[in-house]
């Protein structure tokens, strides 16, 4: 088997409209498609991260909470590559999104920071 890349990451939002606004308006991801699936009473929004990677944003009636912090087993966080962490942090903070202080990865020397989506999903900005 040869994995050639990451196709998508799926996220279930507790408040679909709020999360859609965050991912589209604040993070600036491009909408590829949006469909309402009546049989599931669920929205599905496909968002372009880059030329090969997408985020699928879902809504479901009354989704259960998922433990995400501190250091719970499972997916730890989702990291976005950016050219300039300072500029990205300034943009997020201008839009009311709190970011942790910028740190330096002790192994790569790259700068990074963490923030959270509207459901407190840990997200990272990692400078390319």
Foldseek 3Di string as FASTA:
>chain_A
DDDDDEAEAEEEDADQVQLVCCVCVQVNWAWPDWDQDVVQRKIWTWTDLDPRYIYIYMYGPPDDQDDAPDVDPDDNAAEREDADPVVSCVSCVVVVWDKDDWDADPVPRWIKIWTAGPSRGIYMYTHD
